[in-house]
Amino acid sequence: MKTSLIITTYNWPRALNLCLRSAFAQVTKPDEIIIADDGSKTETKNLIDELRTQTEIPIVHVWHEDCGFRLCHIRNKAIAASTADYIIQVDGDTILDPHFVADHIEVARQNCLSSS
């Protein structure tokens, strides 16, 4: 099952850096990482560009202009950009346990949506 890790962010590159590094350290790596960026400034883009060179996991940066809080809109754009069968969503200030993706895959069921 192809997995996508969608990470939402807004103008907090220090936290996003830690979140992405914890994604890189997963026992089972996601097949792709999509950054759902709700209008961050250039510093976030620069960080993502730098971290792309430090992993073999494809990183897609989905960004829209900062026109106020539009988190749901950018999440939908990120989901639309995904090429995966299974989507895992986290906030960009989350440090993932090394088994986070593996645990999700273990309990995943076809045609099932879980919010827990």
PDB file of N, CA and C in Angstrom:
ATOM      1  N   MET A   1       0.852  -1.178   0.000  1.00  0.00           N
ATOM      2  CA  MET A   1       0.000   0.000   0.000  1.00  0.00           C
ATOM      3  C   MET A   1       0.897   1.239   0.000  1.00  0.00           C
ATOM      4  N   LYS A   2       0.696   2.091  -0.957  1.00  0.00           N
ATOM      5  CA  LYS A   2       1.477   3.329  -1.043  1.00  0.00           C
ATOM      6  C   LYS A   2       0.934   4.342  -0.035  1.00  0.00           C
ATOM      7  N   THR A   3       1.835   4.944   0.741  1.00  0.00           N
ATOM      8  CA  THR A   3       1.422   5.871   1.794  1.00  0.00           C
ATOM      9  C   THR A   3       1.939   7.280   1.532  1.00  0.00           C
ATOM     10  N   SER A   4       1.118   8.234   1.930  1.00  0.00           N
ATOM     11  CA  SER A   4       1.470   9.642   1.849  1.00  0.00           C
ATOM     12  C   SER A   4       1.351  10.244   3.242  1.00  0.00           C
ATOM     13  N   LEU A   5       2.378  10.952   3.657  1.00  0.00           N
ATOM     14  CA  LEU A   5       2.348  11.683   4.915  1.00  0.00           C
ATOM     15  C   LEU A   5       2.121  13.143   4.583  1.00  0.00           C
ATOM     16  N   ILE A   6       0.966  13.673   4.968  1.00  0.00           N
ATOM     17  CA  ILE A   6       0.650  15.081   4.731  1.00  0.00           C
ATOM     18  C   ILE A   6       0.907  15.849   6.025  1.00  0.00           C
ATOM     19  N   ILE A   7       1.749  16.867   5.914  1.00  0.00           N
ATOM     20  CA  ILE A   7       2.132  17.686   7.066  1.00  0.00           C
ATOM     21  C   ILE A   7       1.656  19.108   6.817  1.00  0.00           C
ATOM     22  N   THR A   8       0.807  19.624   7.702  1.00  0.00           N
ATOM     23  CA  THR A   8       0.344  21.004   7.565  1.00  0.00           C
ATOM     24  C   THR A   8       1.305  21.942   8.298  1.00  0.00           C
ATOM     25  N   THR A   9       1.474  23.134   7.729  1.00  0.00           N
ATOM     26  CA  THR A   9       2.392  24.099   8.334  1.00  0.00           C
ATOM     27  C   THR A   9       1.963  25.526   8.024  1.00  0.00           C
ATOM     28  N   TYR A  10       2.435  26.430   8.871  1.00  0.00           N
ATOM     29  CA  TYR A  10       2.258  27.871   8.639  1.00  0.00           C
ATOM     30  C   TYR A  10       3.315  28.633   9.432  1.00  0.00           C
ATOM     31  N   ASN A  11       4.298  29.166   8.743  1.00  0.00           N
ATOM     32  CA  ASN A  11       5.294  30.094   9.304  1.00  0.00           C
ATOM     33  C   ASN A  11       5.976  29.620  10.583  1.00  0.00           C
ATOM     34  N   TRP A  12       6.290  28.334  10.681  1.00  0.00           N
ATOM     35  CA  TRP A  12       7.048  27.854  11.825  1.00  0.00           C
ATOM     36  C   TRP A  12       8.069  26.835  11.329  1.00  0.00           C
ATOM     37  N   PRO A  13       9.068  27.296  10.563  1.00  0.00           N
ATOM     38  CA  PRO A  13      10.025  26.366   9.973  1.00  0.00           C
ATOM     39  C   PRO A  13      10.841  25.570  10.987  1.00  0.00           C
ATOM     40  N   ARG A  14      11.107  26.123  12.155  1.00  0.00           N
ATOM     41  CA  ARG A  14      11.860  25.358  13.164  1.00  0.00           C
ATOM     42  C   ARG A  14      11.105  24.097  13.564  1.00  0.00           C
ATOM     43  N   ALA A  15       9.805  24.223  13.787  1.00  0.00           N
ATOM     44  CA  ALA A  15       8.997  23.052  14.147  1.00  0.00           C
ATOM     45  C   ALA A  15       8.891  22.100  12.962  1.00  0.00           C
ATOM     46  N   LEU A  16       8.680  22.634  11.770  1.00  0.00           N
ATOM     47  CA  LEU A  16       8.577  21.795  10.579  1.00  0.00           C
ATOM     48  C   LEU A  16       9.864  21.010  10.357  1.00  0.00           C
ATOM     49  N   ASN A  17      10.995  21.623  10.592  1.00  0.00           N
ATOM     50  CA  ASN A  17      12.282  20.947  10.470  1.00  0.00           C
ATOM     51  C   ASN A  17      12.321  19.701  11.360  1.00  0.00           C
ATOM     52  N   LEU A  18      11.924  19.839  12.613  1.00  0.00           N
ATOM     53  CA  LEU A  18      11.922  18.700  13.532  1.00  0.00           C
ATOM     54  C   LEU A  18      10.915  17.632  13.096  1.00  0.00           C
ATOM     55  N   CYS A  19       9.751  18.068  12.650  1.00  0.00           N
ATOM     56  CA  CYS A  19       8.734  17.133  12.184  1.00  0.00           C
ATOM     57  C   CYS A  19       9.249  16.336  10.982  1.00  0.00           C
ATOM     58  N   LEU A  20       9.840  17.028  10.017  1.00  0.00           N
ATOM     59  CA  LEU A  20      10.348  16.338   8.830  1.00  0.00           C
ATOM     60  C   LEU A  20      11.490  15.388   9.173  1.00  0.00           C
ATOM     61  N   ARG A  21      12.363  15.800  10.046  1.00  0.00           N
ATOM     62  CA  ARG A  21      13.467  14.915  10.433  1.00  0.00           C
ATOM     63  C   ARG A  21      12.931  13.655  11.132  1.00  0.00           C
ATOM     64  N   SER A  22      11.856  13.799  11.894  1.00  0.00           N
ATOM     65  CA  SER A  22      11.261  12.608  12.509  1.00  0.00           C
ATOM     66  C   SER A  22      10.591  11.737  11.447  1.00  0.00           C
ATOM     67  N   ALA A  23      10.090  12.337  10.374  1.00  0.00           N
ATOM     68  CA  ALA A  23       9.536  11.558   9.266  1.00  0.00           C
ATOM     69  C   ALA A  23      10.641  10.795   8.538  1.00  0.00           C
ATOM     70  N   PHE A  24      11.797  11.425   8.382  1.00  0.00           N
ATOM     71  CA  PHE A  24      12.926  10.770   7.724  1.00  0.00           C
ATOM     72  C   PHE A  24      13.426   9.576   8.539  1.00  0.00           C
ATOM     73  N   ALA A  25      13.215   9.599   9.850  1.00  0.00           N
ATOM     74  CA  ALA A  25      13.721   8.558  10.750  1.00  0.00           C
ATOM     75  C   ALA A  25      12.731   7.414  10.965  1.00  0.00           C
ATOM     76  N   GLN A  26      11.683   7.362  10.193  1.00  0.00           N
ATOM     77  CA  GLN A  26      10.681   6.317  10.359  1.00  0.00           C
ATOM     78  C   GLN A  26      11.253   4.937  10.020  1.00  0.00           C
ATOM     79  N   VAL A  27      10.850   3.934  10.789  1.00  0.00           N
ATOM     80  CA  VAL A  27      11.223   2.548  10.520  1.00  0.00           C
ATOM     81  C   VAL A  27      10.670   2.131   9.154  1.00  0.00           C
ATOM     82  N   THR A  28       9.428   2.479   8.900  1.00  0.00           N
ATOM     83  CA  THR A  28       8.804   2.297   7.589  1.00  0.00           C
ATOM     84  C   THR A  28       8.571   3.693   7.030  1.00  0.00           C
ATOM     85  N   LYS A  29       9.266   4.025   5.966  1.00  0.00           N
ATOM     86  CA  LYS A  29       9.176   5.367   5.404  1.00  0.00           C
ATOM     87  C   LYS A  29       7.879   5.540   4.610  1.00  0.00           C
ATOM     88  N   PRO A  30       7.285   6.734   4.639  1.00  0.00           N
ATOM     89  CA  PRO A  30       6.167   6.996   3.734  1.00  0.00           C
ATOM     90  C   PRO A  30       6.698   7.043   2.302  1.00  0.00           C
ATOM     91  N   ASP A  31       5.832   6.768   1.335  1.00  0.00           N
ATOM     92  CA  ASP A  31       6.250   6.808  -0.066  1.00  0.00           C
ATOM     93  C   ASP A  31       6.394   8.234  -0.571  1.00  0.00           C
ATOM     94  N   GLU A  32       5.706   9.152   0.071  1.00  0.00           N
ATOM     95  CA  GLU A  32       5.821  10.564  -0.287  1.00  0.00           C
ATOM     96  C   GLU A  32       5.447  11.399   0.935  1.00  0.00           C
ATOM     97  N   ILE A  33       5.998  12.600   0.973  1.00  0.00           N
ATOM     98  CA  ILE A  33       5.643  13.582   1.994  1.00  0.00           C
ATOM     99  C   ILE A  33       5.102  14.796   1.264  1.00  0.00           C
ATOM    100  N   ILE A  34       3.941  15.247   1.690  1.00  0.00           N
ATOM    101  CA  ILE A  34       3.347  16.441   1.102  1.00  0.00           C
ATOM    102  C   ILE A  34       3.224  17.492   2.194  1.00  0.00           C
ATOM    103  N   ILE A  35       3.822  18.641   1.962  1.00  0.00           N
ATOM    104  CA  ILE A  35       3.728  19.754   2.899  1.00  0.00           C
ATOM    105  C   ILE A  35       2.544  20.615   2.469  1.00  0.00           C
ATOM    106  N   ALA A  36       1.531  20.685   3.312  1.00  0.00           N
ATOM    107  CA  ALA A  36       0.347  21.519   3.065  1.00  0.00           C
ATOM    108  C   ALA A  36       0.588  22.853   3.757  1.00  0.00           C
ATOM    109  N   ASP A  37       1.035  23.830   2.994  1.00  0.00           N
ATOM    110  CA  ASP A  37       1.522  25.102   3.535  1.00  0.00           C
ATOM    111  C   ASP A  37       0.470  26.191   3.342  1.00  0.00           C
ATOM    112  N   ASP A  38      -0.069  26.672   4.462  1.00  0.00           N
ATOM    113  CA  ASP A  38      -1.154  27.657   4.458  1.00  0.00           C
ATOM    114  C   ASP A  38      -0.642  29.091   4.322  1.00  0.00           C
ATOM    115  N   GLY A  39       0.375  29.296   3.456  1.00  0.00           N
ATOM    116  CA  GLY A  39       0.817  30.656   3.153  1.00  0.00           C
ATOM    117  C   GLY A  39       2.069  31.103   3.862  1.00  0.00           C
ATOM    118  N   SER A  40       2.955  30.173   4.222  1.00  0.00           N
ATOM    119  CA  SER A  40       4.201  30.558   4.894  1.00  0.00           C
ATOM    120  C   SER A  40       5.082  31.420   4.014  1.00  0.00           C
ATOM    121  N   LYS A  41       6.006  32.094   4.664  1.00  0.00           N
ATOM    122  CA  LYS A  41       6.962  32.949   3.968  1.00  0.00           C
ATOM    123  C   LYS A  41       8.094  32.111   3.360  1.00  0.00           C
ATOM    124  N   THR A  42       9.027  32.768   2.721  1.00  0.00           N
ATOM    125  CA  THR A  42      10.116  32.130   1.977  1.00  0.00           C
ATOM    126  C   THR A  42      10.984  31.212   2.837  1.00  0.00           C
ATOM    127  N   GLU A  43      11.131  31.521   4.104  1.00  0.00           N
ATOM    128  CA  GLU A  43      11.982  30.710   4.986  1.00  0.00           C
ATOM    129  C   GLU A  43      11.524  29.247   5.002  1.00  0.00           C
ATOM    130  N   THR A  44      10.225  29.024   4.979  1.00  0.00           N
ATOM    131  CA  THR A  44       9.701  27.657   4.973  1.00  0.00           C
ATOM    132  C   THR A  44      10.033  26.960   3.657  1.00  0.00           C
ATOM    133  N   LYS A  45       9.852  27.656   2.541  1.00  0.00           N
ATOM    134  CA  LYS A  45      10.190  27.080   1.233  1.00  0.00           C
ATOM    135  C   LYS A  45      11.665  26.725   1.178  1.00  0.00           C
ATOM    136  N   ASN A  46      12.527  27.606   1.673  1.00  0.00           N
ATOM    137  CA  ASN A  46      13.966  27.348   1.665  1.00  0.00           C
ATOM    138  C   ASN A  46      14.315  26.113   2.486  1.00  0.00           C
ATOM    139  N   LEU A  47      13.664  25.957   3.640  1.00  0.00           N
ATOM    140  CA  LEU A  47      13.899  24.785   4.475  1.00  0.00           C
ATOM    141  C   LEU A  47      13.503  23.511   3.724  1.00  0.00           C
ATOM    142  N   ILE A  48      12.338  23.520   3.116  1.00  0.00           N
ATOM    143  CA  ILE A  48      11.861  22.342   2.380  1.00  0.00           C
ATOM    144  C   ILE A  48      12.828  22.006   1.248  1.00  0.00           C
ATOM    145  N   ASP A  49      13.272  23.009   0.507  1.00  0.00           N
ATOM    146  CA  ASP A  49      14.228  22.785  -0.582  1.00  0.00           C
ATOM    147  C   ASP A  49      15.517  22.161  -0.052  1.00  0.00           C
ATOM    148  N   GLU A  50      15.989  22.640   1.081  1.00  0.00           N
ATOM    149  CA  GLU A  50      17.209  22.091   1.684  1.00  0.00           C
ATOM    150  C   GLU A  50      17.001  20.644   2.128  1.00  0.00           C
ATOM    151  N   LEU A  51      15.877  20.376   2.793  1.00  0.00           N
ATOM    152  CA  LEU A  51      15.645  19.033   3.315  1.00  0.00           C
ATOM    153  C   LEU A  51      15.364  18.006   2.214  1.00  0.00           C
ATOM    154  N   ARG A  52      14.900  18.458   1.066  1.00  0.00           N
ATOM    155  CA  ARG A  52      14.716  17.532  -0.073  1.00  0.00           C
ATOM    156  C   ARG A  52      16.028  16.844  -0.437  1.00  0.00           C
ATOM    157  N   THR A  53      17.140  17.543  -0.233  1.00  0.00           N
ATOM    158  CA  THR A  53      18.448  16.978  -0.583  1.00  0.00           C
ATOM    159  C   THR A  53      18.930  15.970   0.447  1.00  0.00           C
ATOM    160  N   GLN A  54      18.219  15.832   1.572  1.00  0.00           N
ATOM    161  CA  GLN A  54      18.665  14.970   2.658  1.00  0.00           C
ATOM    162  C   GLN A  54      17.839  13.694   2.797  1.00  0.00           C
ATOM    163  N   THR A  55      16.973  13.440   1.818  1.00  0.00           N
ATOM    164  CA  THR A  55      16.139  12.244   1.868  1.00  0.00           C
ATOM    165  C   THR A  55      15.851  11.758   0.462  1.00  0.00           C
ATOM    166  N   GLU A  56      15.532  10.485   0.372  1.00  0.00           N
ATOM    167  CA  GLU A  56      15.102   9.922  -0.916  1.00  0.00           C
ATOM    168  C   GLU A  56      13.587   9.917  -1.031  1.00  0.00           C
ATOM    169  N   ILE A  57      12.909  10.285   0.042  1.00  0.00           N
ATOM    170  CA  ILE A  57      11.449  10.366   0.020  1.00  0.00           C
ATOM    171  C   ILE A  57      11.059  11.607  -0.779  1.00  0.00           C
ATOM    172  N   PRO A  58      10.234  11.468  -1.805  1.00  0.00           N
ATOM    173  CA  PRO A  58       9.787  12.656  -2.528  1.00  0.00           C
ATOM    174  C   PRO A  58       9.007  13.597  -1.612  1.00  0.00           C
ATOM    175  N   ILE A  59       9.337  14.877  -1.681  1.00  0.00           N
ATOM    176  CA  ILE A  59       8.641  15.899  -0.898  1.00  0.00           C
ATOM    177  C   ILE A  59       7.971  16.864  -1.869  1.00  0.00           C
ATOM    178  N   VAL A  60       6.657  17.009  -1.723  1.00  0.00           N
ATOM    179  CA  VAL A  60       5.880  17.929  -2.545  1.00  0.00           C
ATOM    180  C   VAL A  60       5.447  19.083  -1.650  1.00  0.00           C
ATOM    181  N   HIS A  61       5.699  20.305  -2.095  1.00  0.00           N
ATOM    182  CA  HIS A  61       5.320  21.496  -1.326  1.00  0.00           C
ATOM    183  C   HIS A  61       4.084  22.106  -1.976  1.00  0.00           C
ATOM    184  N   VAL A  62       2.948  21.964  -1.316  1.00  0.00           N
ATOM    185  CA  VAL A  62       1.690  22.541  -1.808  1.00  0.00           C
ATOM    186  C   VAL A  62       1.452  23.807  -0.998  1.00  0.00           C
ATOM    187  N   TRP A  63       1.439  24.951  -1.676  1.00  0.00           N
ATOM    188  CA  TRP A  63       1.392  26.260  -1.021  1.00  0.00           C
ATOM    189  C   TRP A  63       0.289  27.096  -1.657  1.00  0.00           C
ATOM    190  N   HIS A  64      -0.336  27.914  -0.846  1.00  0.00           N
ATOM    191  CA  HIS A  64      -1.179  28.972  -1.400  1.00  0.00           C
ATOM    192  C   HIS A  64      -0.908  30.258  -0.634  1.00  0.00           C
ATOM    193  N   GLU A  65      -1.325  31.360  -1.231  1.00  0.00           N
ATOM    194  CA  GLU A  65      -1.101  32.677  -0.648  1.00  0.00           C
ATOM    195  C   GLU A  65      -1.782  32.797   0.707  1.00  0.00           C
ATOM    196  N   ASP A  66      -1.147  33.550   1.590  1.00  0.00           N
ATOM    197  CA  ASP A  66      -1.693  33.794   2.925  1.00  0.00           C
ATOM    198  C   ASP A  66      -2.841  34.797   2.833  1.00  0.00           C
ATOM    199  N   CYS A  67      -4.053  34.285   2.865  1.00  0.00           N
ATOM    200  CA  CYS A  67      -5.264  35.128   2.841  1.00  0.00           C
ATOM    201  C   CYS A  67      -6.109  34.814   4.066  1.00  0.00           C
ATOM    202  N   GLY A  68      -5.441  34.654   5.204  1.00  0.00           N
ATOM    203  CA  GLY A  68      -6.145  34.262   6.424  1.00  0.00           C
ATOM    204  C   GLY A  68      -6.092  32.752   6.606  1.00  0.00           C
ATOM    205  N   PHE A  69      -6.694  32.301   7.673  1.00  0.00           N
ATOM    206  CA  PHE A  69      -6.672  30.885   8.048  1.00  0.00           C
ATOM    207  C   PHE A  69      -7.512  30.072   7.066  1.00  0.00           C
ATOM    208  N   ARG A  70      -6.835  29.271   6.226  1.00  0.00           N
ATOM    209  CA  ARG A  70      -7.523  28.438   5.240  1.00  0.00           C
ATOM    210  C   ARG A  70      -6.951  27.021   5.273  1.00  0.00           C
ATOM    211  N   LEU A  71      -6.824  26.499   6.478  1.00  0.00           N
ATOM    212  CA  LEU A  71      -6.217  25.192   6.680  1.00  0.00           C
ATOM    213  C   LEU A  71      -6.954  24.088   5.922  1.00  0.00           C
ATOM    214  N   CYS A  72      -8.269  24.081   5.976  1.00  0.00           N
ATOM    215  CA  CYS A  72      -9.035  23.031   5.285  1.00  0.00           C
ATOM    216  C   CYS A  72      -8.796  23.075   3.787  1.00  0.00           C
ATOM    217  N   HIS A  73      -8.697  24.259   3.239  1.00  0.00           N
ATOM    218  CA  HIS A  73      -8.470  24.413   1.801  1.00  0.00           C
ATOM    219  C   HIS A  73      -7.114  23.838   1.395  1.00  0.00           C
ATOM    220  N   ILE A  74      -6.061  24.153   2.151  1.00  0.00           N
ATOM    221  CA  ILE A  74      -4.732  23.662   1.791  1.00  0.00           C
ATOM    222  C   ILE A  74      -4.630  22.160   2.028  1.00  0.00           C
ATOM    223  N   ARG A  75      -5.308  21.646   3.042  1.00  0.00           N
ATOM    224  CA  ARG A  75      -5.339  20.183   3.234  1.00  0.00           C
ATOM    225  C   ARG A  75      -5.984  19.494   2.032  1.00  0.00           C
ATOM    226  N   ASN A  76      -7.079  20.045   1.546  1.00  0.00           N
ATOM    227  CA  ASN A  76      -7.738  19.469   0.375  1.00  0.00           C
ATOM    228  C   ASN A  76      -6.823  19.500  -0.841  1.00  0.00           C
ATOM    229  N   LYS A  77      -6.083  20.586  -1.027  1.00  0.00           N
ATOM    230  CA  LYS A  77      -5.141  20.674  -2.137  1.00  0.00           C
ATOM    231  C   LYS A  77      -4.034  19.620  -1.992  1.00  0.00           C
ATOM    232  N   ALA A  78      -3.587  19.402  -0.768  1.00  0.00           N
ATOM    233  CA  ALA A  78      -2.538  18.402  -0.524  1.00  0.00           C
ATOM    234  C   ALA A  78      -3.060  16.993  -0.795  1.00  0.00           C
ATOM    235  N   ILE A  79      -4.282  16.715  -0.361  1.00  0.00           N
ATOM    236  CA  ILE A  79      -4.880  15.400  -0.632  1.00  0.00           C
ATOM    237  C   ILE A  79      -4.997  15.189  -2.140  1.00  0.00           C
ATOM    238  N   ALA A  80      -5.407  16.220  -2.855  1.00  0.00           N
ATOM    239  CA  ALA A  80      -5.530  16.121  -4.313  1.00  0.00           C
ATOM    240  C   ALA A  80      -4.166  15.872  -4.970  1.00  0.00           C
ATOM    241  N   ALA A  81      -3.089  16.356  -4.365  1.00  0.00           N
ATOM    242  CA  ALA A  81      -1.744  16.170  -4.914  1.00  0.00           C
ATOM    243  C   ALA A  81      -1.168  14.793  -4.599  1.00  0.00           C
ATOM    244  N   SER A  82      -1.774  14.083  -3.672  1.00  0.00           N
ATOM    245  CA  SER A  82      -1.256  12.788  -3.266  1.00  0.00           C
ATOM    246  C   SER A  82      -1.435  11.747  -4.365  1.00  0.00           C
ATOM    247  N   THR A  83      -0.464  10.852  -4.450  1.00  0.00           N
ATOM    248  CA  THR A  83      -0.546   9.718  -5.374  1.00  0.00           C
ATOM    249  C   THR A  83      -0.690   8.406  -4.607  1.00  0.00           C
ATOM    250  N   ALA A  84      -0.968   8.492  -3.324  1.00  0.00           N
ATOM    251  CA  ALA A  84      -0.968   7.318  -2.454  1.00  0.00           C
ATOM    252  C   ALA A  84      -2.355   6.694  -2.294  1.00  0.00           C
ATOM    253  N   ASP A  85      -2.341   5.455  -1.818  1.00  0.00           N
ATOM    254  CA  ASP A  85      -3.565   4.732  -1.483  1.00  0.00           C
ATOM    255  C   ASP A  85      -4.036   5.074  -0.077  1.00  0.00           C
ATOM    256  N   TYR A  86      -3.090   5.453   0.781  1.00  0.00           N
ATOM    257  CA  TYR A  86      -3.375   5.682   2.198  1.00  0.00           C
ATOM    258  C   TYR A  86      -2.730   6.995   2.614  1.00  0.00           C
ATOM    259  N   ILE A  87      -3.490   7.857   3.258  1.00  0.00           N
ATOM    260  CA  ILE A  87      -3.011   9.186   3.660  1.00  0.00           C
ATOM    261  C   ILE A  87      -2.983   9.285   5.181  1.00  0.00           C
ATOM    262  N   ILE A  88      -1.862   9.762   5.686  1.00  0.00           N
ATOM    263  CA  ILE A  88      -1.693  10.042   7.110  1.00  0.00           C
ATOM    264  C   ILE A  88      -1.474  11.546   7.226  1.00  0.00           C
ATOM    265  N   GLN A  89      -2.249  12.220   8.088  1.00  0.00           N
ATOM    266  CA  GLN A  89      -2.135  13.670   8.238  1.00  0.00           C
ATOM    267  C   GLN A  89      -1.646  14.029   9.641  1.00  0.00           C
ATOM    268  N   VAL A  90      -0.682  14.941   9.699  1.00  0.00           N
ATOM    269  CA  VAL A  90      -0.182  15.450  10.976  1.00  0.00           C
ATOM    270  C   VAL A  90       0.056  16.949  10.856  1.00  0.00           C
ATOM    271  N   ASP A  91       0.120  17.610  11.989  1.00  0.00           N
ATOM    272  CA  ASP A  91       0.490  19.022  12.033  1.00  0.00           C
ATOM    273  C   ASP A  91       2.008  19.148  12.028  1.00  0.00           C
ATOM    274  N   GLY A  92       2.496  20.247  11.518  1.00  0.00           N
ATOM    275  CA  GLY A  92       3.922  20.472  11.373  1.00  0.00           C
ATOM    276  C   GLY A  92       4.668  20.737  12.659  1.00  0.00           C
ATOM    277  N   ASP A  93       3.995  20.710  13.778  1.00  0.00           N
ATOM    278  CA  ASP A  93       4.677  20.856  15.068  1.00  0.00           C
ATOM    279  C   ASP A  93       4.668  19.534  15.836  1.00  0.00           C
ATOM    280  N   THR A  94       4.538  18.425  15.112  1.00  0.00           N
ATOM    281  CA  THR A  94       4.476  17.097  15.714  1.00  0.00           C
ATOM    282  C   THR A  94       5.778  16.353  15.446  1.00  0.00           C
ATOM    283  N   ILE A  95       6.346  15.775  16.493  1.00  0.00           N
ATOM    284  CA  ILE A  95       7.501  14.898  16.328  1.00  0.00           C
ATOM    285  C   ILE A  95       6.977  13.475  16.359  1.00  0.00           C
ATOM    286  N   LEU A  96       7.240  12.739  15.288  1.00  0.00           N
ATOM    287  CA  LEU A  96       6.681  11.408  15.120  1.00  0.00           C
ATOM    288  C   LEU A  96       7.547  10.348  15.783  1.00  0.00           C
ATOM    289  N   ASP A  97       6.897   9.433  16.493  1.00  0.00           N
ATOM    290  CA  ASP A  97       7.577   8.255  17.000  1.00  0.00           C
ATOM    291  C   ASP A  97       8.131   7.487  15.796  1.00  0.00           C
ATOM    292  N   PRO A  98       9.282   6.822  15.923  1.00  0.00           N
ATOM    293  CA  PRO A  98       9.861   6.111  14.782  1.00  0.00           C
ATOM    294  C   PRO A  98       8.956   5.044  14.151  1.00  0.00           C
ATOM    295  N   HIS A  99       7.965   4.573  14.877  1.00  0.00           N
ATOM    296  CA  HIS A  99       7.055   3.546  14.352  1.00  0.00           C
ATOM    297  C   HIS A  99       5.709   4.132  13.924  1.00  0.00           C
ATOM    298  N   PHE A 100       5.600   5.451  13.849  1.00  0.00           N
ATOM    299  CA  PHE A 100       4.325   6.108  13.564  1.00  0.00           C
ATOM    300  C   PHE A 100       3.708   5.626  12.249  1.00  0.00           C
ATOM    301  N   VAL A 101       4.464   5.672  11.176  1.00  0.00           N
ATOM    302  CA  VAL A 101       3.940   5.246   9.873  1.00  0.00           C
ATOM    303  C   VAL A 101       3.676   3.745   9.873  1.00  0.00           C
ATOM    304  N   ALA A 102       4.599   2.957  10.397  1.00  0.00           N
ATOM    305  CA  ALA A 102       4.421   1.498  10.451  1.00  0.00           C
ATOM    306  C   ALA A 102       3.162   1.125  11.234  1.00  0.00           C
ATOM    307  N   ASP A 103       2.927   1.803  12.342  1.00  0.00           N
ATOM    308  CA  ASP A 103       1.722   1.525  13.145  1.00  0.00           C
ATOM    309  C   ASP A 103       0.453   1.849  12.368  1.00  0.00           C
ATOM    310  N   HIS A 104       0.467   2.943  11.628  1.00  0.00           N
ATOM    311  CA  HIS A 104      -0.702   3.297  10.808  1.00  0.00           C
ATOM    312  C   HIS A 104      -0.961   2.231   9.753  1.00  0.00           C
ATOM    313  N   ILE A 105       0.093   1.799   9.084  1.00  0.00           N
ATOM    314  CA  ILE A 105      -0.054   0.795   8.031  1.00  0.00           C
ATOM    315  C   ILE A 105      -0.578  -0.520   8.606  1.00  0.00           C
ATOM    316  N   GLU A 106      -0.107  -0.857   9.783  1.00  0.00           N
ATOM    317  CA  GLU A 106      -0.518  -2.116  10.421  1.00  0.00           C
ATOM    318  C   GLU A 106      -2.024  -2.166  10.687  1.00  0.00           C
ATOM    319  N   VAL A 107      -2.624  -1.052  11.057  1.00  0.00           N
ATOM    320  CA  VAL A 107      -4.060  -1.061  11.388  1.00  0.00           C
ATOM    321  C   VAL A 107      -4.943  -0.546  10.246  1.00  0.00           C
ATOM    322  N   ALA A 108      -4.341  -0.169   9.128  1.00  0.00           N
ATOM    323  CA  ALA A 108      -5.117   0.350   7.998  1.00  0.00           C
ATOM    324  C   ALA A 108      -6.011  -0.739   7.420  1.00  0.00           C
ATOM    325  N   ARG A 109      -7.203  -0.344   7.024  1.00  0.00           N
ATOM    326  CA  ARG A 109      -8.161  -1.255   6.395  1.00  0.00           C
ATOM    327  C   ARG A 109      -8.678  -0.596   5.129  1.00  0.00           C
ATOM    328  N   GLN A 110      -8.840  -1.383   4.082  1.00  0.00           N
ATOM    329  CA  GLN A 110      -9.327  -0.858   2.810  1.00  0.00           C
ATOM    330  C   GLN A 110     -10.739  -0.300   2.974  1.00  0.00           C
ATOM    331  N   ASN A 111     -11.003   0.820   2.317  1.00  0.00           N
ATOM    332  CA  ASN A 111     -12.316   1.480   2.321  1.00  0.00           C
ATOM    333  C   ASN A 111     -12.763   1.891   3.709  1.00  0.00           C
ATOM    334  N   CYS A 112     -11.820   2.249   4.565  1.00  0.00           N
ATOM    335  CA  CYS A 112     -12.136   2.640   5.936  1.00  0.00           C
ATOM    336  C   CYS A 112     -11.485   3.989   6.221  1.00  0.00           C
ATOM    337  N   LEU A 113     -12.257   4.880   6.812  1.00  0.00           N
ATOM    338  CA  LEU A 113     -11.759   6.184   7.212  1.00  0.00           C
ATOM    339  C   LEU A 113     -11.700   6.215   8.725  1.00  0.00           C
ATOM    340  N   SER A 114     -10.560   6.584   9.273  1.00  0.00           N
ATOM    341  CA  SER A 114     -10.408   6.640  10.713  1.00  0.00           C
ATOM    342  C   SER A 114      -9.889   8.002  11.107  1.00  0.00           C
ATOM    343  N   SER A 115     -10.436   8.573  12.155  1.00  0.00           N
ATOM    344  CA  SER A 115      -9.958   9.871  12.637  1.00  0.00           C
ATOM    345  C   SER A 115      -9.175   9.716  13.928  1.00  0.00           C
ATOM    346  N   SER A 116      -8.899   8.513  14.329  1.00  0.00           N
ATOM    347  CA  SER A 116      -8.136   8.320  15.574  1.00  0.00           C
ATOM    348  C   SER A 116      -6.756   7.802  15.318  1.00  0.00           C
TER     349      SER A 116
END
